[in-house]
Amino acid sequence: MADPKKPADKKPAADINKSAEIRKVATAMKASGEKPRPVTIIATLKKHGVTVSSPQVSMVLKRMGFKPRKRRKAGSLAAAVAVANKANKTGKSKTKISVEDLVAAKKAVGRLGGLDRAVAAIEALRQFES
């Protein structure tokens, strides 16, 4: 006889194959054009009453052939070089950027609180020069 306290349509937690559920959600996301990311998969499964961890989702995605996203460095030096090269191409500065210039720029970016703030400061400075 069925237990009257348990709903009949819900599966017990032991009967759920969490990896299969992760694969289903990831496949559906890929089919709809979304990139399957652990955070979105965890949220989707939580709505369905399935609790999974981020490492578990990451491992299943890795086994499915999805590669992890590349991490960017905060305040990337490459972005500072790109800004400097852009200034060189506009004809405002004909000098080459030295390693010492890059080190000084990196220190300035750190003092200003990030690359976005440093670029904003440079743009504001450029307005004063004009």
Protein backbone atom coordinates (compact mmCIF):
# COMPACT_ATOMS: atom_id res chain seq x y z
CA MET A 1 0.00 0.00 0.00
CA ALA A 2 1.29 3.49 -0.89
CA ASP A 3 2.30 5.91 1.81
CA PRO A 4 -0.38 8.66 2.00
CA LYS A 5 2.21 11.30 2.99
CA LYS A 6 4.28 10.93 -0.21
CA PRO A 7 2.97 12.24 -3.53
CA ALA A 8 2.64 9.43 -6.04
CA ASP A 9 4.02 11.39 -9.02
CA LYS A 10 7.36 12.34 -7.40
CA LYS A 11 10.33 10.01 -7.67
CA PRO A 12 12.40 9.38 -4.56
CA ALA A 13 15.78 11.13 -4.61
CA ALA A 14 17.57 7.79 -4.94
CA ASP A 15 15.77 6.99 -8.21
CA ILE A 16 16.94 10.18 -9.98
CA ASN A 17 20.02 9.87 -12.17
CA LYS A 18 21.47 13.34 -11.74
CA SER A 19 24.03 12.94 -14.53
CA ALA A 20 21.28 11.99 -16.96
CA GLU A 21 19.27 15.04 -15.89
CA ILE A 22 22.31 17.27 -16.42
CA ARG A 23 22.83 15.76 -19.88
CA LYS A 24 19.16 16.34 -20.79
CA VAL A 25 19.29 20.00 -19.77
CA ALA A 26 22.65 20.58 -21.50
CA THR A 27 21.41 18.97 -24.72
CA ALA A 28 18.23 21.06 -24.65
CA MET A 29 20.25 24.24 -24.07
CA LYS A 30 22.57 23.43 -26.95
CA ALA A 31 19.61 22.69 -29.24
CA SER A 32 18.09 26.09 -28.40
CA GLY A 33 21.37 27.85 -29.19
CA GLU A 34 22.40 28.57 -25.59
CA LYS A 35 25.80 27.66 -24.22
CA PRO A 36 25.39 25.15 -21.41
CA ARG A 37 26.98 26.69 -18.32
CA PRO A 38 26.98 25.08 -14.87
CA VAL A 39 25.23 28.01 -13.20
CA THR A 40 22.27 27.94 -15.59
CA ILE A 41 22.03 24.15 -15.48
CA ILE A 42 22.04 24.15 -11.67
CA ALA A 43 19.26 26.79 -11.62
CA THR A 44 17.18 24.87 -14.16
CA LEU A 45 17.49 21.60 -12.28
CA LYS A 46 16.73 23.31 -8.97
CA LYS A 47 13.37 24.40 -10.43
CA HIS A 48 12.66 20.72 -11.12
CA GLY A 49 13.62 19.74 -7.57
CA VAL A 50 17.01 18.20 -8.40
CA THR A 51 20.00 19.41 -6.40
CA VAL A 52 23.41 19.15 -8.09
CA SER A 53 26.79 20.70 -7.40
CA SER A 54 28.87 22.85 -9.72
CA PRO A 55 31.79 20.39 -9.92
CA GLN A 56 29.38 17.58 -10.78
CA VAL A 57 27.83 19.62 -13.61
CA SER A 58 31.27 20.66 -14.86
CA MET A 59 32.49 17.06 -14.98
CA VAL A 60 29.41 15.87 -16.87
CA LEU A 61 29.75 18.73 -19.37
CA LYS A 62 33.44 17.92 -19.81
CA ARG A 63 32.63 14.27 -20.52
CA MET A 64 30.02 15.42 -23.05
CA GLY A 65 32.71 17.33 -24.91
CA PHE A 66 31.95 20.87 -23.78
CA LYS A 67 35.12 22.77 -23.03
CA PRO A 68 35.34 25.08 -20.04
CA ARG A 69 35.31 28.79 -20.72
CA LYS A 70 38.69 30.53 -20.86
CA ARG A 71 39.29 32.86 -17.94
CA ARG A 72 40.52 36.37 -18.56
CA LYS A 73 43.03 38.11 -16.37
CA ALA A 74 41.65 41.12 -14.56
CA GLY A 75 43.20 44.30 -15.93
CA SER A 76 44.75 42.50 -18.86
CA LEU A 77 48.00 43.96 -20.12
CA ALA A 78 47.02 42.92 -23.65
CA ALA A 79 44.07 45.31 -23.54
CA ALA A 80 46.38 48.15 -22.56
CA VAL A 81 48.61 47.30 -25.52
CA ALA A 82 45.57 47.30 -27.80
CA VAL A 83 44.57 50.77 -26.58
CA ALA A 84 48.13 52.00 -27.12
CA ASN A 85 48.27 50.49 -30.60
CA LYS A 86 44.93 52.09 -31.45
CA ALA A 87 46.36 55.48 -30.46
CA ASN A 88 49.40 54.80 -32.68
CA LYS A 89 47.19 53.97 -35.68
CA THR A 90 45.18 57.18 -35.36
CA GLY A 91 48.33 59.17 -36.01
CA LYS A 92 48.34 61.03 -32.70
CA SER A 93 51.46 59.23 -31.50
CA LYS A 94 54.21 57.91 -33.75
CA THR A 95 56.42 56.50 -30.97
CA LYS A 96 56.67 52.82 -30.14
CA ILE A 97 55.54 51.50 -26.77
CA SER A 98 58.43 50.17 -24.69
CA VAL A 99 58.36 47.55 -21.97
CA GLU A 100 58.89 50.31 -19.40
CA ASP A 101 55.85 52.14 -20.77
CA LEU A 102 53.77 48.97 -20.40
CA VAL A 103 54.95 48.44 -16.82
CA ALA A 104 54.06 52.05 -15.99
CA ALA A 105 50.66 51.63 -17.65
CA LYS A 106 50.01 48.45 -15.64
CA LYS A 107 50.81 50.28 -12.40
CA ALA A 108 48.52 53.16 -13.41
CA VAL A 109 45.71 50.71 -14.18
CA GLY A 110 46.16 49.17 -10.74
CA ARG A 111 46.06 52.57 -9.03
CA LEU A 112 42.94 53.60 -10.93
CA GLY A 113 41.07 50.44 -9.95
CA GLY A 114 40.95 48.49 -13.19
CA LEU A 115 41.32 48.73 -16.92
CA ASP A 116 37.84 50.10 -17.57
CA ARG A 117 38.44 53.03 -15.22
CA ALA A 118 41.89 53.64 -16.73
CA VAL A 119 40.47 53.73 -20.27
CA ALA A 120 37.73 56.11 -19.09
CA ALA A 121 40.38 58.37 -17.54
CA ILE A 122 42.39 58.35 -20.78
CA GLU A 123 39.27 59.23 -22.78
CA ALA A 124 38.52 62.11 -20.39
CA LEU A 125 42.12 63.30 -20.74
CA ARG A 126 41.85 63.11 -24.52
CA GLN A 127 38.84 65.48 -24.38
CA PHE A 128 40.90 68.04 -22.46
CA GLU A 129 43.70 67.90 -25.06
CA SER A 130 41.39 68.68 -27.97
